[in-house]
């Protein structure tokens, strides 16, 4: 099945205790590259998140954004920093002794000093949140996959049209190829007659020359292989059991380009050369489009 490597998916989960928002985006990449952006408290779950995403995607640069909000009313706690208060008292005592002033510090005053009392978020057990987080990521991943499949349908249609158009170019080249040898034979005969006048043409030497030329310009093998590659590309795209179709199509496109290049190098006909250039142009378009397929 053809899937695009670009996609987007979003999901949200809310209950009385928390809110999750998950966004997944992807762009083209030769391999699978997953980047997770999330609160530090979920760092211990990053391995699980990566393994979960691997169930839905094989190639591409994947960015997953996770936001978390604690909705519990008692989600903060007051922390008393006794060591910090002790240091304040020690230095205040030293100041009184050094400068000969009264140490009039009170508890109420000391409590207002920075970092003696701190409001902190209560620690959350990430493993308890994982089932909710996993379900939300899966919902986002499903939406993400649907967007990639939808875009893949458009890619499939575009590639199918290009491949069928390439087939027409191959048909033209196959039909036109025999004329090259025929035209070459006629030119040689005319040239020999110009030189010999009414003299007799050595048919055996002429046939030998034409045969050698025919071997040099023959593109039958290239045409056969091109047809085979085009059929293979169409079959790969239509095979829903294949997951990494992008890699295989990329290899096939390289082979098609090689055959088209050989045809152009052998062509000694303006019509074939013109169509050969169009063929290579379409192959290059196919190669570019394939880069968007997983």
Protein backbone atom coordinates (compact mmCIF):
# COMPACT_ATOMS: atom_id res chain seq x y z
CA UNK A 1 0.00 0.00 0.00
CA UNK A 2 1.28 3.46 -0.91
CA UNK A 3 1.58 5.72 2.13
CA UNK A 4 2.91 9.24 2.16
CA UNK A 5 5.76 10.05 4.54
CA UNK A 6 4.11 13.37 5.38
CA UNK A 7 1.20 13.38 7.78
CA UNK A 8 -0.41 14.90 10.85
CA UNK A 9 -2.47 13.52 13.71
CA UNK A 10 -3.86 15.01 16.92
CA UNK A 11 -5.70 13.63 19.94
CA UNK A 12 -6.69 14.85 23.38
CA UNK A 13 -7.62 13.19 26.65
CA UNK A 14 -9.30 14.91 29.60
CA UNK A 15 -10.61 13.63 32.92
CA UNK A 16 -11.00 15.09 36.40
CA UNK A 17 -7.31 14.65 37.13
CA UNK A 18 -5.37 15.61 33.98
CA UNK A 19 -5.35 16.66 30.35
CA UNK A 20 -3.15 15.23 27.58
CA UNK A 21 -2.70 16.73 24.12
CA UNK A 22 -0.77 14.74 21.52
CA UNK A 23 0.32 15.98 18.10
CA UNK A 24 2.27 13.89 15.59
CA UNK A 25 3.88 15.35 12.46
CA UNK A 26 6.17 13.81 9.86
CA UNK A 27 8.22 14.75 6.81
CA UNK A 28 10.39 12.81 4.37
CA UNK A 29 13.45 11.01 5.65
CA UNK A 30 15.54 8.14 4.38
CA UNK A 31 15.23 6.26 7.67
CA UNK A 32 13.00 6.38 10.76
CA UNK A 33 13.88 9.33 12.99
CA UNK A 34 11.62 9.94 16.02
CA UNK A 35 11.88 13.12 18.08
CA UNK A 36 9.78 13.35 21.26
CA UNK A 37 9.07 16.72 22.85
CA UNK A 38 7.36 16.34 26.20
CA UNK A 39 7.51 17.33 29.89
CA UNK A 40 10.58 16.08 31.74
CA UNK A 41 8.42 13.98 34.02
CA UNK A 42 7.74 11.64 31.05
CA UNK A 43 11.40 11.09 30.12
CA UNK A 44 11.30 7.62 31.66
CA UNK A 45 8.51 6.71 29.22
CA UNK A 46 10.33 7.80 26.06
CA UNK A 47 11.34 4.24 25.14
CA UNK A 48 7.73 3.05 25.34
CA UNK A 49 6.58 6.02 23.25
CA UNK A 50 9.14 5.29 20.52
CA UNK A 51 8.23 1.60 20.38
CA UNK A 52 4.56 2.53 20.17
CA UNK A 53 5.12 4.83 17.19
CA UNK A 54 7.13 2.13 15.40
CA UNK A 55 3.90 0.15 15.16
CA UNK A 56 2.48 2.85 12.88
CA UNK A 57 5.42 4.09 10.80
CA UNK A 58 8.57 2.65 9.23
CA UNK A 59 10.23 5.65 7.59
CA UNK A 60 10.19 9.41 7.98
CA UNK A 61 11.20 12.15 10.38
CA UNK A 62 8.57 11.97 13.13
CA UNK A 63 7.95 14.72 15.69
CA UNK A 64 5.61 13.95 18.57
CA UNK A 65 4.55 16.76 20.89
CA UNK A 66 3.07 15.90 24.30
CA UNK A 67 1.56 18.49 26.62
CA UNK A 68 0.29 17.61 30.08
CA UNK A 69 -1.78 19.56 32.59
CA UNK A 70 -2.51 18.42 36.14
CA UNK A 71 -6.12 19.35 36.97
CA UNK A 72 -6.15 18.16 40.57
CA UNK A 73 -6.84 20.95 43.11
CA UNK A 74 -4.22 19.62 45.52
CA UNK A 75 -1.49 19.19 42.94
CA UNK A 76 0.96 21.43 44.80
CA UNK A 77 2.72 21.02 48.15
CA UNK A 78 4.62 23.35 50.47
CA UNK A 79 8.22 22.34 51.11
CA UNK A 80 10.26 23.64 54.06
CA UNK A 81 13.98 23.97 53.34
CA UNK A 82 15.49 23.59 56.79
CA UNK A 83 19.08 23.71 55.58
CA UNK A 84 18.48 27.02 53.83
CA UNK A 85 16.91 28.51 57.01
CA UNK A 86 19.90 27.31 59.08
CA UNK A 87 22.32 29.05 56.70
CA UNK A 88 20.34 32.30 56.92
CA UNK A 89 20.46 32.17 60.74
CA UNK A 90 24.19 31.42 60.77
CA UNK A 91 25.04 34.37 58.57
CA UNK A 92 22.68 36.71 60.40
CA UNK A 93 24.36 35.78 63.68
CA UNK A 94 27.78 36.46 62.15
CA UNK A 95 26.59 39.86 60.92
CA UNK A 96 25.36 40.80 64.44
CA UNK A 97 28.67 39.83 66.02
CA UNK A 98 30.78 41.49 63.32
CA UNK A 99 28.96 44.83 63.32
CA UNK A 100 27.84 44.87 66.96
CA UNK A 101 24.14 45.06 66.20
CA UNK A 102 21.20 43.26 67.82
CA UNK A 103 20.11 40.04 66.19
CA UNK A 104 16.34 40.64 66.12
CA UNK A 105 15.40 37.96 63.62
CA UNK A 106 11.97 36.35 64.09
CA UNK A 107 10.54 33.17 62.66
CA UNK A 108 7.93 35.15 60.72
CA UNK A 109 10.71 37.21 59.14
CA UNK A 110 12.92 34.21 58.39
CA UNK A 111 10.03 32.40 56.71
CA UNK A 112 9.84 35.15 54.08
CA UNK A 113 13.44 34.72 53.02
CA UNK A 114 13.89 33.20 49.52
CA UNK A 115 13.68 29.42 49.25
CA UNK A 116 12.91 28.79 52.93
CA UNK A 117 9.36 27.82 51.92
CA UNK A 118 8.75 26.68 48.32
CA UNK A 119 5.55 25.66 46.52
CA UNK A 120 6.19 22.59 44.36
CA UNK A 121 4.13 20.36 42.15
CA UNK A 122 3.46 17.03 43.75
CA UNK A 123 5.35 14.17 42.19
CA UNK A 124 3.27 12.13 39.77
CA UNK A 125 3.63 8.41 39.21
CA UNK A 126 4.24 8.30 35.46
CA UNK A 127 3.52 4.59 35.31
CA UNK A 128 0.01 5.30 36.56
CA UNK A 129 -0.46 7.83 33.76
CA UNK A 130 0.91 5.53 31.03
CA UNK A 131 -2.39 3.75 30.17
CA UNK A 132 -4.07 7.13 29.56
CA UNK A 133 -1.06 8.45 27.66
CA UNK A 134 -0.77 5.30 25.55
CA UNK A 135 -4.44 5.42 24.54
CA UNK A 136 -4.14 9.08 23.56
CA UNK A 137 -0.97 8.48 21.52
CA UNK A 138 -2.68 5.61 19.70
CA UNK A 139 -5.64 7.86 18.84
CA UNK A 140 -3.27 10.49 17.47
CA UNK A 141 -1.28 7.81 15.60
CA UNK A 142 -4.46 6.46 13.99
CA UNK A 143 -5.38 9.94 12.75
CA UNK A 144 -1.77 10.39 11.63
CA UNK A 145 -1.88 7.11 9.67
CA UNK A 146 -5.19 8.04 8.03
CA UNK A 147 -3.72 11.32 6.77
CA UNK A 148 -0.72 9.47 5.32
CA UNK A 149 -2.95 6.90 3.61
CA UNK A 150 -5.15 9.66 2.16
CA UNK A 151 -2.12 11.46 0.75
CA UNK A 152 -0.79 8.09 -0.43
CA UNK A 153 -3.90 7.62 -2.59
CA UNK A 154 -3.10 10.87 -4.39
CA UNK A 155 0.53 9.81 -4.84
CA UNK A 156 -0.58 6.43 -6.20
CA UNK A 157 -2.85 8.08 -8.76
CA UNK A 158 -0.15 10.51 -9.89
CA UNK A 159 2.50 7.79 -10.19
CA UNK A 160 0.12 5.49 -12.07
CA UNK A 161 -0.53 8.20 -14.65
CA UNK A 162 3.17 8.92 -15.07
CA UNK A 163 4.04 5.23 -15.48
CA UNK A 164 1.32 4.73 -18.09
CA UNK A 165 2.60 7.78 -19.96
CA UNK A 166 6.11 6.31 -19.85
CA UNK A 167 4.70 3.13 -21.37
CA UNK A 168 3.49 5.16 -24.36
CA UNK A 169 6.99 6.56 -24.85
CA UNK A 170 8.42 3.03 -24.80
CA UNK A 171 5.82 1.93 -27.39
CA UNK A 172 6.86 4.80 -29.65
CA UNK A 173 10.56 3.98 -29.36
CA UNK A 174 9.91 0.30 -30.09
CA UNK A 175 7.86 1.18 -33.17
CA UNK A 176 10.38 3.72 -34.43
CA UNK A 177 13.59 1.75 -33.82
CA UNK A 178 13.51 -0.45 -36.98
CA UNK A 179 13.34 2.68 -39.13
CA UNK A 180 16.80 3.74 -37.92
CA UNK A 181 18.47 0.74 -39.56
CA UNK A 182 16.35 1.08 -42.70
CA UNK A 183 17.25 4.76 -43.07
CA UNK A 184 20.92 3.99 -42.47
CA UNK A 185 20.91 1.31 -45.20
CA UNK A 186 19.29 3.70 -47.67
CA UNK A 187 21.88 6.41 -46.93
CA UNK A 188 24.76 3.98 -47.42
CA UNK A 189 23.33 2.77 -50.74
CA UNK A 190 22.91 6.33 -51.97
CA UNK A 191 26.44 7.20 -50.89
CA UNK A 192 27.95 4.16 -52.63
CA UNK A 193 26.04 4.88 -55.82
CA UNK A 194 27.32 8.44 -55.77
CA UNK A 195 30.86 7.12 -55.55
CA UNK A 196 30.58 4.21 -57.97
CA UNK A 197 28.17 5.79 -60.38
CA UNK A 198 26.58 2.92 -62.30
CA UNK A 199 28.90 0.40 -60.69
CA UNK A 200 27.55 -2.67 -58.96
CA UNK A 201 27.02 -2.46 -55.18
CA UNK A 202 28.58 -5.27 -53.14
CA UNK A 203 25.46 -6.51 -51.38
CA UNK A 204 27.43 -8.71 -48.96
CA UNK A 205 29.59 -5.84 -47.71
CA UNK A 206 26.52 -3.63 -47.48
CA UNK A 207 24.69 -6.25 -45.43
CA UNK A 208 27.70 -6.63 -43.13
CA UNK A 209 27.92 -2.86 -42.57
CA UNK A 210 24.17 -2.61 -41.86
CA UNK A 211 24.35 -5.57 -39.44
CA UNK A 212 27.19 -3.97 -37.48
CA UNK A 213 25.31 -0.70 -37.32
CA UNK A 214 22.11 -2.47 -36.26
CA UNK A 215 23.94 -4.07 -33.32
CA UNK A 216 25.15 -0.66 -32.16
CA UNK A 217 21.74 1.03 -32.26
CA UNK A 218 19.55 -1.91 -31.23
CA UNK A 219 17.53 -1.08 -28.09
CA UNK A 220 15.39 -4.23 -27.94
CA UNK A 221 16.88 -5.37 -24.61
CA UNK A 222 16.48 -1.93 -23.06
CA UNK A 223 12.85 -1.79 -24.18
CA UNK A 224 12.12 -5.22 -22.70
CA UNK A 225 13.70 -4.24 -19.39
CA UNK A 226 11.89 -0.90 -19.31
CA UNK A 227 8.55 -2.61 -19.82
CA UNK A 228 9.43 -5.04 -17.05
CA UNK A 229 10.39 -2.22 -14.67
CA UNK A 230 7.22 -0.25 -15.38
CA UNK A 231 5.08 -3.34 -14.74
CA UNK A 232 7.03 -4.10 -11.56
CA UNK A 233 6.47 -0.56 -10.28
CA UNK A 234 2.72 -0.77 -10.90
CA UNK A 235 2.54 -4.21 -9.24
CA UNK A 236 4.45 -2.98 -6.19
CA UNK A 237 2.10 -0.02 -5.75
CA UNK A 238 -0.97 -2.23 -6.03
CA UNK A 239 0.29 -4.87 -3.60
CA UNK A 240 -1.34 -4.04 -0.24
CA UNK A 241 0.81 -6.60 1.60
CA UNK A 242 4.01 -4.59 1.08
CA UNK A 243 4.93 -2.06 3.77
CA UNK A 244 8.22 -0.60 2.49
CA UNK A 245 7.06 0.04 -1.08
CA UNK A 246 8.93 3.36 -1.23
CA UNK A 247 12.36 1.70 -0.99
CA UNK A 248 11.52 -0.82 -3.71
CA UNK A 249 10.07 1.81 -6.04
CA UNK A 250 13.18 3.93 -5.60
CA UNK A 251 15.36 1.02 -6.74
CA UNK A 252 13.10 0.33 -9.74
CA UNK A 253 13.20 4.00 -10.76
CA UNK A 254 17.00 3.92 -10.73
CA UNK A 255 16.94 0.92 -13.05
CA UNK A 256 14.46 2.63 -15.40
CA UNK A 257 16.69 5.67 -15.59
CA UNK A 258 19.67 3.47 -16.50
CA UNK A 259 17.78 1.88 -19.41
CA UNK A 260 16.50 5.24 -20.68
CA UNK A 261 20.03 6.66 -20.59
CA UNK A 262 21.30 3.72 -22.67
CA UNK A 263 18.53 4.23 -25.24
CA UNK A 264 19.45 7.89 -25.58
CA UNK A 265 23.13 7.05 -26.05
CA UNK A 266 22.27 4.59 -28.85
CA UNK A 267 19.59 6.68 -30.54
CA UNK A 268 20.60 8.16 -33.88
CA UNK A 269 17.19 9.53 -34.66
CA UNK A 270 15.78 12.92 -33.72
CA UNK A 271 12.31 11.53 -32.98
CA UNK A 272 13.62 8.81 -30.67
CA UNK A 273 15.99 11.24 -28.98
CA UNK A 274 13.14 13.67 -28.36
CA UNK A 275 10.90 10.99 -26.90
CA UNK A 276 13.84 9.55 -24.94
CA UNK A 277 14.35 12.92 -23.27
CA UNK A 278 10.66 13.06 -22.37
CA UNK A 279 10.95 9.54 -20.98
CA UNK A 280 13.90 10.48 -18.77
CA UNK A 281 12.04 13.61 -17.62
CA UNK A 282 9.07 11.51 -16.51
CA UNK A 283 11.35 9.01 -14.80
CA UNK A 284 12.95 11.86 -12.84
CA UNK A 285 9.48 13.10 -11.85
CA UNK A 286 8.64 9.60 -10.67
CA UNK A 287 11.88 9.42 -8.65
CA UNK A 288 11.08 12.74 -6.98
CA UNK A 289 7.56 11.63 -6.14
CA UNK A 290 8.78 8.32 -4.77
CA UNK A 291 10.79 10.23 -2.16
CA UNK A 292 7.44 11.08 -0.56
CA UNK A 293 6.45 7.43 -0.15
CA UNK A 294 7.16 5.39 2.97
